[in-house]
mmCIF file of all heavy atoms, coordinates in Angstrom:
data_MODEL
# 
_entry.id   MODEL 
# 
loop_
_atom_site.group_PDB 
_atom_site.id 
_atom_site.type_symbol 
_atom_site.label_atom_id 
_atom_site.label_alt_id 
_atom_site.label_comp_id 
_atom_site.label_asym_id 
_atom_site.label_entity_id 
_atom_site.label_seq_id 
_atom_site.pdbx_PDB_ins_code 
_atom_site.Cartn_x 
_atom_site.Cartn_y 
_atom_site.Cartn_z 
_atom_site.occupancy 
_atom_site.B_iso_or_equiv 
_atom_site.pdbx_formal_charge 
_atom_site.auth_seq_id 
_atom_site.auth_comp_id 
_atom_site.auth_asym_id 
_atom_site.auth_atom_id 
_atom_site.pdbx_PDB_model_num 
ATOM 1   N N   . GLY A 1 1  ? 1.783  2.405  15.621  1.00 0.00 ? 1  GLY A N   1 
ATOM 2   C CA  . GLY A 1 1  ? 2.873  1.518  15.991  1.00 0.00 ? 1  GLY A CA  1 
ATOM 3   C C   . GLY A 1 1  ? 3.703  1.049  14.815  1.00 0.00 ? 1  GLY A C   1 
ATOM 4   O O   . GLY A 1 1  ? 4.593  0.207  14.991  1.00 0.00 ? 1  GLY A O   1 
ATOM 5   N N   . PHE A 1 2  ? 3.444  1.592  13.626  1.00 0.00 ? 2  PHE A N   1 
ATOM 6   C CA  . PHE A 1 2  ? 4.200  1.224  12.428  1.00 0.00 ? 2  PHE A CA  1 
ATOM 7   C C   . PHE A 1 2  ? 5.129  2.363  12.029  1.00 0.00 ? 2  PHE A C   1 
ATOM 8   O O   . PHE A 1 2  ? 4.878  3.526  12.323  1.00 0.00 ? 2  PHE A O   1 
ATOM 9   C CB  . PHE A 1 2  ? 3.253  0.891  11.274  1.00 0.00 ? 2  PHE A CB  1 
ATOM 10  C CG  . PHE A 1 2  ? 2.349  -0.272 11.536  1.00 0.00 ? 2  PHE A CG  1 
ATOM 11  C CD1 . PHE A 1 2  ? 1.007  -0.072 11.819  1.00 0.00 ? 2  PHE A CD1 1 
ATOM 12  C CD2 . PHE A 1 2  ? 2.855  -1.564 11.539  1.00 0.00 ? 2  PHE A CD2 1 
ATOM 13  C CE1 . PHE A 1 2  ? 0.169  -1.141 12.082  1.00 0.00 ? 2  PHE A CE1 1 
ATOM 14  C CE2 . PHE A 1 2  ? 2.029  -2.647 11.797  1.00 0.00 ? 2  PHE A CE2 1 
ATOM 15  C CZ  . PHE A 1 2  ? 0.688  -2.441 12.079  1.00 0.00 ? 2  PHE A CZ  1 
ATOM 16  N N   . THR A 1 3  ? 6.202  2.007  11.332  1.00 0.00 ? 3  THR A N   1 
ATOM 17  C CA  . THR A 1 3  ? 7.140  3.023  10.879  1.00 0.00 ? 3  THR A CA  1 
ATOM 18  C C   . THR A 1 3  ? 6.559  3.782  9.684   1.00 0.00 ? 3  THR A C   1 
ATOM 19  O O   . THR A 1 3  ? 5.599  3.337  9.052   1.00 0.00 ? 3  THR A O   1 
ATOM 20  C CB  . THR A 1 3  ? 8.483  2.408  10.469  1.00 0.00 ? 3  THR A CB  1 
ATOM 21  O OG1 . THR A 1 3  ? 8.278  1.605  9.288   1.00 0.00 ? 3  THR A OG1 1 
ATOM 22  C CG2 . THR A 1 3  ? 9.057  1.532  11.578  1.00 0.00 ? 3  THR A CG2 1 
ATOM 23  N N   . VAL A 1 4  ? 7.182  4.907  9.381   1.00 0.00 ? 4  VAL A N   1 
ATOM 24  C CA  . VAL A 1 4  ? 6.733  5.702  8.228   1.00 0.00 ? 4  VAL A CA  1 
ATOM 25  C C   . VAL A 1 4  ? 6.793  4.875  6.958   1.00 0.00 ? 4  VAL A C   1 
ATOM 26  O O   . VAL A 1 4  ? 5.865  4.888  6.144   1.00 0.00 ? 4  VAL A O   1 
ATOM 27  C CB  . VAL A 1 4  ? 7.586  6.979  8.083   1.00 0.00 ? 4  VAL A CB  1 
ATOM 28  C CG1 . VAL A 1 4  ? 7.282  7.681  6.761   1.00 0.00 ? 4  VAL A CG1 1 
ATOM 29  C CG2 . VAL A 1 4  ? 7.358  7.926  9.254   1.00 0.00 ? 4  VAL A CG2 1 
ATOM 30  N N   . GLN A 1 5  ? 7.878  4.125  6.767   1.00 0.00 ? 5  GLN A N   1 
ATOM 31  C CA  . GLN A 1 5  ? 8.022  3.322  5.557   1.00 0.00 ? 5  GLN A CA  1 
ATOM 32  C C   . GLN A 1 5  ? 6.990  2.208  5.496   1.00 0.00 ? 5  GLN A C   1 
ATOM 33  O O   . GLN A 1 5  ? 6.434  1.920  4.422   1.00 0.00 ? 5  GLN A O   1 
ATOM 34  C CB  . GLN A 1 5  ? 9.429  2.731  5.465   1.00 0.00 ? 5  GLN A CB  1 
ATOM 35  C CG  . GLN A 1 5  ? 9.733  2.086  4.120   1.00 0.00 ? 5  GLN A CG  1 
ATOM 36  C CD  . GLN A 1 5  ? 9.576  3.065  2.966   1.00 0.00 ? 5  GLN A CD  1 
ATOM 37  O OE1 . GLN A 1 5  ? 10.119 4.159  2.979   1.00 0.00 ? 5  GLN A OE1 1 
ATOM 38  N NE2 . GLN A 1 5  ? 8.809  2.666  1.943   1.00 0.00 ? 5  GLN A NE2 1 
ATOM 39  N N   . GLU A 1 6  ? 6.691  1.579  6.628   1.00 0.00 ? 6  GLU A N   1 
ATOM 40  C CA  . GLU A 1 6  ? 5.672  0.524  6.658   1.00 0.00 ? 6  GLU A CA  1 
ATOM 41  C C   . GLU A 1 6  ? 4.291  1.090  6.312   1.00 0.00 ? 6  GLU A C   1 
ATOM 42  O O   . GLU A 1 6  ? 3.501  0.447  5.622   1.00 0.00 ? 6  GLU A O   1 
ATOM 43  C CB  . GLU A 1 6  ? 5.647  -0.141 8.031   1.00 0.00 ? 6  GLU A CB  1 
ATOM 44  C CG  . GLU A 1 6  ? 6.857  -1.039 8.289   1.00 0.00 ? 6  GLU A CG  1 
ATOM 45  C CD  . GLU A 1 6  ? 6.938  -1.514 9.730   1.00 0.00 ? 6  GLU A CD  1 
ATOM 46  O OE1 . GLU A 1 6  ? 6.327  -0.870 10.609  1.00 0.00 ? 6  GLU A OE1 1 
ATOM 47  O OE2 . GLU A 1 6  ? 7.632  -2.531 9.974   1.00 0.00 ? 6  GLU A OE2 1 
ATOM 48  N N   . ILE A 1 7  ? 4.028  2.288  6.778   1.00 0.00 ? 7  ILE A N   1 
ATOM 49  C CA  . ILE A 1 7  ? 2.751  2.943  6.477   1.00 0.00 ? 7  ILE A CA  1 
ATOM 50  C C   . ILE A 1 7  ? 2.665  3.263  4.990   1.00 0.00 ? 7  ILE A C   1 
ATOM 51  O O   . ILE A 1 7  ? 1.636  3.014  4.341   1.00 0.00 ? 7  ILE A O   1 
ATOM 52  C CB  . ILE A 1 7  ? 2.587  4.220  7.323   1.00 0.00 ? 7  ILE A CB  1 
ATOM 53  C CG1 . ILE A 1 7  ? 2.430  3.847  8.803   1.00 0.00 ? 7  ILE A CG1 1 
ATOM 54  C CG2 . ILE A 1 7  ? 1.398  5.051  6.852   1.00 0.00 ? 7  ILE A CG2 1 
ATOM 55  C CD1 . ILE A 1 7  ? 2.466  5.030  9.750   1.00 0.00 ? 7  ILE A CD1 1 
ATOM 56  N N   . LYS A 1 8  ? 3.751  3.800  4.430   1.00 0.00 ? 8  LYS A N   1 
ATOM 57  C CA  . LYS A 1 8  ? 3.771  4.111  2.996   1.00 0.00 ? 8  LYS A CA  1 
ATOM 58  C C   . LYS A 1 8  ? 3.598  2.849  2.167   1.00 0.00 ? 8  LYS A C   1 
ATOM 59  O O   . LYS A 1 8  ? 2.848  2.836  1.173   1.00 0.00 ? 8  LYS A O   1 
ATOM 60  C CB  . LYS A 1 8  ? 5.078  4.809  2.623   1.00 0.00 ? 8  LYS A CB  1 
ATOM 61  C CG  . LYS A 1 8  ? 5.184  6.251  3.066   1.00 0.00 ? 8  LYS A CG  1 
ATOM 62  C CD  . LYS A 1 8  ? 6.489  6.866  2.559   1.00 0.00 ? 8  LYS A CD  1 
ATOM 63  C CE  . LYS A 1 8  ? 6.595  8.326  2.926   1.00 0.00 ? 8  LYS A CE  1 
ATOM 64  N NZ  . LYS A 1 8  ? 7.847  8.945  2.418   1.00 0.00 ? 8  LYS A NZ  1 
ATOM 65  N N   . ASP A 1 9  ? 4.288  1.773  2.545   1.00 0.00 ? 9  ASP A N   1 
ATOM 66  C CA  . ASP A 1 9  ? 4.196  0.518  1.796   1.00 0.00 ? 9  ASP A CA  1 
ATOM 67  C C   . ASP A 1 9  ? 2.766  -0.020 1.821   1.00 0.00 ? 9  ASP A C   1 
ATOM 68  O O   . ASP A 1 9  ? 2.258  -0.508 0.792   1.00 0.00 ? 9  ASP A O   1 
ATOM 69  C CB  . ASP A 1 9  ? 5.145  -0.528 2.386   1.00 0.00 ? 9  ASP A CB  1 
ATOM 70  C CG  . ASP A 1 9  ? 6.612  -0.195 2.111   1.00 0.00 ? 9  ASP A CG  1 
ATOM 71  O OD1 . ASP A 1 9  ? 6.872  0.636  1.220   1.00 0.00 ? 9  ASP A OD1 1 
ATOM 72  O OD2 . ASP A 1 9  ? 7.481  -0.769 2.799   1.00 0.00 ? 9  ASP A OD2 1 
ATOM 73  N N   . ALA A 1 10 ? 2.109  0.056  2.977   1.00 0.00 ? 10 ALA A N   1 
ATOM 74  C CA  . ALA A 1 10 ? 0.734  -0.427 3.091   1.00 0.00 ? 10 ALA A CA  1 
ATOM 75  C C   . ALA A 1 10 ? -0.216 0.411  2.239   1.00 0.00 ? 10 ALA A C   1 
ATOM 76  O O   . ALA A 1 10 ? -1.062 -0.126 1.512   1.00 0.00 ? 10 ALA A O   1 
ATOM 77  C CB  . ALA A 1 10 ? 0.291  -0.401 4.552   1.00 0.00 ? 10 ALA A CB  1 
ATOM 78  N N   . PHE A 1 11 ? -0.067 1.714  2.317   1.00 0.00 ? 11 PHE A N   1 
ATOM 79  C CA  . PHE A 1 11 ? -0.930 2.602  1.529   1.00 0.00 ? 11 PHE A CA  1 
ATOM 80  C C   . PHE A 1 11 ? -0.714 2.379  0.034   1.00 0.00 ? 11 PHE A C   1 
ATOM 81  O O   . PHE A 1 11 ? -1.676 2.285  -0.733  1.00 0.00 ? 11 PHE A O   1 
ATOM 82  C CB  . PHE A 1 11 ? -0.653 4.060  1.895   1.00 0.00 ? 11 PHE A CB  1 
ATOM 83  C CG  . PHE A 1 11 ? -1.503 5.038  1.137   1.00 0.00 ? 11 PHE A CG  1 
ATOM 84  C CD1 . PHE A 1 11 ? -2.821 5.272  1.510   1.00 0.00 ? 11 PHE A CD1 1 
ATOM 85  C CD2 . PHE A 1 11 ? -0.999 5.730  0.043   1.00 0.00 ? 11 PHE A CD2 1 
ATOM 86  C CE1 . PHE A 1 11 ? -3.618 6.169  0.806   1.00 0.00 ? 11 PHE A CE1 1 
ATOM 87  C CE2 . PHE A 1 11 ? -1.787 6.630  -0.663  1.00 0.00 ? 11 PHE A CE2 1 
ATOM 88  C CZ  . PHE A 1 11 ? -3.095 6.848  -0.277  1.00 0.00 ? 11 PHE A CZ  1 
ATOM 89  N N   . ASP A 1 12 ? 0.548  2.294  -0.372  1.00 0.00 ? 12 ASP A N   1 
ATOM 90  C CA  . ASP A 1 12 ? 0.856  2.067  -1.788  1.00 0.00 ? 12 ASP A CA  1 
ATOM 91  C C   . ASP A 1 12 ? 0.286  0.745  -2.274  1.00 0.00 ? 12 ASP A C   1 
ATOM 92  O O   . ASP A 1 12 ? -0.224 0.640  -3.402  1.00 0.00 ? 12 ASP A O   1 
ATOM 93  C CB  . ASP A 1 12 ? 2.368  2.093  -2.012  1.00 0.00 ? 12 ASP A CB  1 
ATOM 94  C CG  . ASP A 1 12 ? 2.950  3.496  -1.888  1.00 0.00 ? 12 ASP A CG  1 
ATOM 95  O OD1 . ASP A 1 12 ? 2.179  4.470  -1.920  1.00 0.00 ? 12 ASP A OD1 1 
ATOM 96  O OD2 . ASP A 1 12 ? 4.183  3.611  -1.746  1.00 0.00 ? 12 ASP A OD2 1 
ATOM 97  N N   . GLY A 1 13 ? 0.369  -0.286 -1.433  1.00 0.00 ? 13 GLY A N   1 
ATOM 98  C CA  . GLY A 1 13 ? -0.154 -1.593 -1.811  1.00 0.00 ? 13 GLY A CA  1 
ATOM 99  C C   . GLY A 1 13 ? -1.658 -1.552 -2.030  1.00 0.00 ? 13 GLY A C   1 
ATOM 100 O O   . GLY A 1 13 ? -2.174 -2.123 -2.999  1.00 0.00 ? 13 GLY A O   1 
ATOM 101 N N   . VAL A 1 14 ? -2.364 -0.873 -1.135  1.00 0.00 ? 14 VAL A N   1 
ATOM 102 C CA  . VAL A 1 14 ? -3.817 -0.755 -1.265  1.00 0.00 ? 14 VAL A CA  1 
ATOM 103 C C   . VAL A 1 14 ? -4.190 0.032  -2.517  1.00 0.00 ? 14 VAL A C   1 
ATOM 104 O O   . VAL A 1 14 ? -5.075 -0.361 -3.288  1.00 0.00 ? 14 VAL A O   1 
ATOM 105 C CB  . VAL A 1 14 ? -4.416 -0.089 -0.014  1.00 0.00 ? 14 VAL A CB  1 
ATOM 106 C CG1 . VAL A 1 14 ? -5.883 0.284  -0.249  1.00 0.00 ? 14 VAL A CG1 1 
ATOM 107 C CG2 . VAL A 1 14 ? -4.305 -1.014 1.191   1.00 0.00 ? 14 VAL A CG2 1 
ATOM 108 N N   . MET A 1 15 ? -3.510 1.155  -2.751  1.00 0.00 ? 15 MET A N   1 
ATOM 109 C CA  . MET A 1 15 ? -3.840 1.995  -3.901  1.00 0.00 ? 15 MET A CA  1 
ATOM 110 C C   . MET A 1 15 ? -3.454 1.329  -5.221  1.00 0.00 ? 15 MET A C   1 
ATOM 111 O O   . MET A 1 15 ? -4.157 1.486  -6.224  1.00 0.00 ? 15 MET A O   1 
ATOM 112 C CB  . MET A 1 15 ? -3.157 3.354  -3.773  1.00 0.00 ? 15 MET A CB  1 
ATOM 113 C CG  . MET A 1 15 ? -3.655 4.184  -2.600  1.00 0.00 ? 15 MET A CG  1 
ATOM 114 S SD  . MET A 1 15 ? -5.458 4.405  -2.599  1.00 0.00 ? 15 MET A SD  1 
ATOM 115 C CE  . MET A 1 15 ? -5.686 5.437  -4.057  1.00 0.00 ? 15 MET A CE  1 
ATOM 116 N N   . ASP A 1 16 ? -2.352 0.581  -5.225  1.00 0.00 ? 16 ASP A N   1 
ATOM 117 C CA  . ASP A 1 16 ? -1.984 -0.157 -6.443  1.00 0.00 ? 16 ASP A CA  1 
ATOM 118 C C   . ASP A 1 16 ? -3.047 -1.196 -6.785  1.00 0.00 ? 16 ASP A C   1 
ATOM 119 O O   . ASP A 1 16 ? -3.356 -1.434 -7.960  1.00 0.00 ? 16 ASP A O   1 
ATOM 120 C CB  . ASP A 1 16 ? -0.630 -0.848 -6.257  1.00 0.00 ? 16 ASP A CB  1 
ATOM 121 C CG  . ASP A 1 16 ? 0.536  0.128  -6.323  1.00 0.00 ? 16 ASP A CG  1 
ATOM 122 O OD1 . ASP A 1 16 ? 0.344  1.249  -6.827  1.00 0.00 ? 16 ASP A OD1 1 
ATOM 123 O OD2 . ASP A 1 16 ? 1.641  -0.230 -5.865  1.00 0.00 ? 16 ASP A OD2 1 
ATOM 124 N N   . PHE A 1 17 ? -3.613 -1.806 -5.757  1.00 0.00 ? 17 PHE A N   1 
ATOM 125 C CA  . PHE A 1 17 ? -4.698 -2.770 -5.957  1.00 0.00 ? 17 PHE A CA  1 
ATOM 126 C C   . PHE A 1 17 ? -5.955 -2.074 -6.484  1.00 0.00 ? 17 PHE A C   1 
ATOM 127 O O   . PHE A 1 17 ? -6.574 -2.524 -7.453  1.00 0.00 ? 17 PHE A O   1 
ATOM 128 C CB  . PHE A 1 17 ? -5.001 -3.486 -4.640  1.00 0.00 ? 17 PHE A CB  1 
ATOM 129 C CG  . PHE A 1 17 ? -6.253 -4.303 -4.662  1.00 0.00 ? 17 PHE A CG  1 
ATOM 130 C CD1 . PHE A 1 17 ? -6.284 -5.545 -5.279  1.00 0.00 ? 17 PHE A CD1 1 
ATOM 131 C CD2 . PHE A 1 17 ? -7.426 -3.835 -4.061  1.00 0.00 ? 17 PHE A CD2 1 
ATOM 132 C CE1 . PHE A 1 17 ? -7.450 -6.312 -5.295  1.00 0.00 ? 17 PHE A CE1 1 
ATOM 133 C CE2 . PHE A 1 17 ? -8.592 -4.589 -4.078  1.00 0.00 ? 17 PHE A CE2 1 
ATOM 134 C CZ  . PHE A 1 17 ? -8.605 -5.828 -4.700  1.00 0.00 ? 17 PHE A CZ  1 
ATOM 135 N N   . CYS A 1 18 ? -6.310 -0.953 -5.854  1.00 0.00 ? 18 CYS A N   1 
ATOM 136 C CA  . CYS A 1 18 ? -7.545 -0.253 -6.208  1.00 0.00 ? 18 CYS A CA  1 
ATOM 137 C C   . CYS A 1 18 ? -7.482 0.397  -7.591  1.00 0.00 ? 18 CYS A C   1 
ATOM 138 O O   . CYS A 1 18 ? -8.476 0.398  -8.326  1.00 0.00 ? 18 CYS A O   1 
ATOM 139 C CB  . CYS A 1 18 ? -7.865 0.822  -5.158  1.00 0.00 ? 18 CYS A CB  1 
ATOM 140 S SG  . CYS A 1 18 ? -8.390 0.160  -3.567  1.00 0.00 ? 18 CYS A SG  1 
ATOM 141 N N   . LEU A 1 19 ? -6.326 0.938  -7.934  1.00 0.00 ? 19 LEU A N   1 
ATOM 142 C CA  . LEU A 1 19 ? -6.223 1.683  -9.191  1.00 0.00 ? 19 LEU A CA  1 
ATOM 143 C C   . LEU A 1 19 ? -5.724 0.841  -10.360 1.00 0.00 ? 19 LEU A C   1 
ATOM 144 O O   . LEU A 1 19 ? -6.213 0.975  -11.480 1.00 0.00 ? 19 LEU A O   1 
ATOM 145 C CB  . LEU A 1 19 ? -5.300 2.890  -9.002  1.00 0.00 ? 19 LEU A CB  1 
ATOM 146 C CG  . LEU A 1 19 ? -5.800 3.997  -8.074  1.00 0.00 ? 19 LEU A CG  1 
ATOM 147 C CD1 . LEU A 1 19 ? -4.705 5.025  -7.855  1.00 0.00 ? 19 LEU A CD1 1 
ATOM 148 C CD2 . LEU A 1 19 ? -7.044 4.657  -8.648  1.00 0.00 ? 19 LEU A CD2 1 
ATOM 149 N N   . TRP A 1 20 ? -4.740 -0.003 -10.083 1.00 0.00 ? 20 TRP A N   1 
ATOM 150 C CA  . TRP A 1 20 ? -4.048 -0.678 -11.190 1.00 0.00 ? 20 TRP A CA  1 
ATOM 151 C C   . TRP A 1 20 ? -4.207 -2.185 -11.174 1.00 0.00 ? 20 TRP A C   1 
ATOM 152 O O   . TRP A 1 20 ? -3.513 -2.892 -11.917 1.00 0.00 ? 20 TRP A O   1 
ATOM 153 C CB  . TRP A 1 20 ? -2.567 -0.305 -11.178 1.00 0.00 ? 20 TRP A CB  1 
ATOM 154 C CG  . TRP A 1 20 ? -2.331 1.154  -10.930 1.00 0.00 ? 20 TRP A CG  1 
ATOM 155 C CD1 . TRP A 1 20 ? -1.576 1.709  -9.941  1.00 0.00 ? 20 TRP A CD1 1 
ATOM 156 C CD2 . TRP A 1 20 ? -2.854 2.263  -11.675 1.00 0.00 ? 20 TRP A CD2 1 
ATOM 157 N NE1 . TRP A 1 20 ? -1.590 3.073  -10.010 1.00 0.00 ? 20 TRP A NE1 1 
ATOM 158 C CE2 . TRP A 1 20 ? -2.371 3.457  -11.069 1.00 0.00 ? 20 TRP A CE2 1 
ATOM 159 C CE3 . TRP A 1 20 ? -3.687 2.372  -12.793 1.00 0.00 ? 20 TRP A CE3 1 
ATOM 160 C CZ2 . TRP A 1 20 ? -2.702 4.723  -11.548 1.00 0.00 ? 20 TRP A CZ2 1 
ATOM 161 C CZ3 . TRP A 1 20 ? -4.028 3.650  -13.258 1.00 0.00 ? 20 TRP A CZ3 1 
ATOM 162 C CH2 . TRP A 1 20 ? -3.520 4.792  -12.652 1.00 0.00 ? 20 TRP A CH2 1 
ATOM 163 N N   . ASP A 1 21 ? -5.094 -2.705 -10.302 1.00 0.00 ? 21 ASP A N   1 
ATOM 164 C CA  . ASP A 1 21 ? -5.431 -4.128 -10.276 1.00 0.00 ? 21 ASP A CA  1 
ATOM 165 C C   . ASP A 1 21 ? -4.226 -5.015 -9.961  1.00 0.00 ? 21 ASP A C   1 
ATOM 166 O O   . ASP A 1 21 ? -4.126 -6.145 -10.453 1.00 0.00 ? 21 ASP A O   1 
ATOM 167 C CB  . ASP A 1 21 ? -6.060 -4.555 -11.609 1.00 0.00 ? 21 ASP A CB  1 
ATOM 168 C CG  . ASP A 1 21 ? -6.838 -5.855 -11.484 1.00 0.00 ? 21 ASP A CG  1 
ATOM 169 O OD1 . ASP A 1 21 ? -7.280 -6.163 -10.366 1.00 0.00 ? 21 ASP A OD1 1 
ATOM 170 O OD2 . ASP A 1 21 ? -6.990 -6.559 -12.495 1.00 0.00 ? 21 ASP A OD2 1 
ATOM 171 N N   . LYS A 1 22 ? -3.329 -4.514 -9.140  1.00 0.00 ? 22 LYS A N   1 
ATOM 172 C CA  . LYS A 1 22 ? -2.209 -5.341 -8.695  1.00 0.00 ? 22 LYS A CA  1 
ATOM 173 C C   . LYS A 1 22 ? -2.661 -6.221 -7.530  1.00 0.00 ? 22 LYS A C   1 
ATOM 174 O O   . LYS A 1 22 ? -3.699 -5.950 -6.911  1.00 0.00 ? 22 LYS A O   1 
ATOM 175 C CB  . LYS A 1 22 ? -1.032 -4.462 -8.276  1.00 0.00 ? 22 LYS A CB  1 
ATOM 176 C CG  . LYS A 1 22 ? -0.390 -3.706 -9.442  1.00 0.00 ? 22 LYS A CG  1 
ATOM 177 C CD  . LYS A 1 22 ? 0.855  -2.982 -8.996  1.00 0.00 ? 22 LYS A CD  1 
ATOM 178 C CE  . LYS A 1 22 ? 1.533  -2.267 -10.164 1.00 0.00 ? 22 LYS A CE  1 
ATOM 179 N NZ  . LYS A 1 22 ? 2.767  -1.551 -9.744  1.00 0.00 ? 22 LYS A NZ  1 
ATOM 180 N N   . PRO A 1 23 ? -1.932 -7.295 -7.216  1.00 0.00 ? 23 PRO A N   1 
ATOM 181 C CA  . PRO A 1 23 ? -2.328 -8.156 -6.109  1.00 0.00 ? 23 PRO A CA  1 
ATOM 182 C C   . PRO A 1 23 ? -2.464 -7.366 -4.804  1.00 0.00 ? 23 PRO A C   1 
ATOM 183 O O   . PRO A 1 23 ? -1.662 -6.482 -4.530  1.00 0.00 ? 23 PRO A O   1 
ATOM 184 C CB  . PRO A 1 23 ? -1.182 -9.174 -6.029  1.00 0.00 ? 23 PRO A CB  1 
ATOM 185 C CG  . PRO A 1 23 ? -0.613 -9.198 -7.411  1.00 0.00 ? 23 PRO A CG  1 
ATOM 186 C CD  . PRO A 1 23 ? -0.735 -7.788 -7.927  1.00 0.00 ? 23 PRO A CD  1 
ATOM 187 N N   . PHE A 1 24 ? -3.490 -7.704 -4.039  1.00 0.00 ? 24 PHE A N   1 
ATOM 188 C CA  . PHE A 1 24 ? -3.742 -6.973 -2.796  1.00 0.00 ? 24 PHE A CA  1 
ATOM 189 C C   . PHE A 1 24 ? -2.663 -7.285 -1.775  1.00 0.00 ? 24 PHE A C   1 
ATOM 190 O O   . PHE A 1 24 ? -2.354 -8.436 -1.515  1.00 0.00 ? 24 PHE A O   1 
ATOM 191 C CB  . PHE A 1 24 ? -5.110 -7.341 -2.225  1.00 0.00 ? 24 PHE A CB  1 
ATOM 192 C CG  . PHE A 1 24 ? -5.479 -6.542 -1.012  1.00 0.00 ? 24 PHE A CG  1 
ATOM 193 C CD1 . PHE A 1 24 ? -5.949 -5.239 -1.150  1.00 0.00 ? 24 PHE A CD1 1 
ATOM 194 C CD2 . PHE A 1 24 ? -5.344 -7.074 0.265   1.00 0.00 ? 24 PHE A CD2 1 
ATOM 195 C CE1 . PHE A 1 24 ? -6.283 -4.486 -0.039  1.00 0.00 ? 24 PHE A CE1 1 
ATOM 196 C CE2 . PHE A 1 24 ? -5.677 -6.332 1.381   1.00 0.00 ? 24 PHE A CE2 1 
ATOM 197 C CZ  . PHE A 1 24 ? -6.156 -5.035 1.229   1.00 0.00 ? 24 PHE A CZ  1 
# 
């Protein structure tokens, strides 16, 4: 039920947190 961009933003946010210690 999410758009392609919303999905990309969510995935990027999670991976930025996991790899580069950015805010979750």
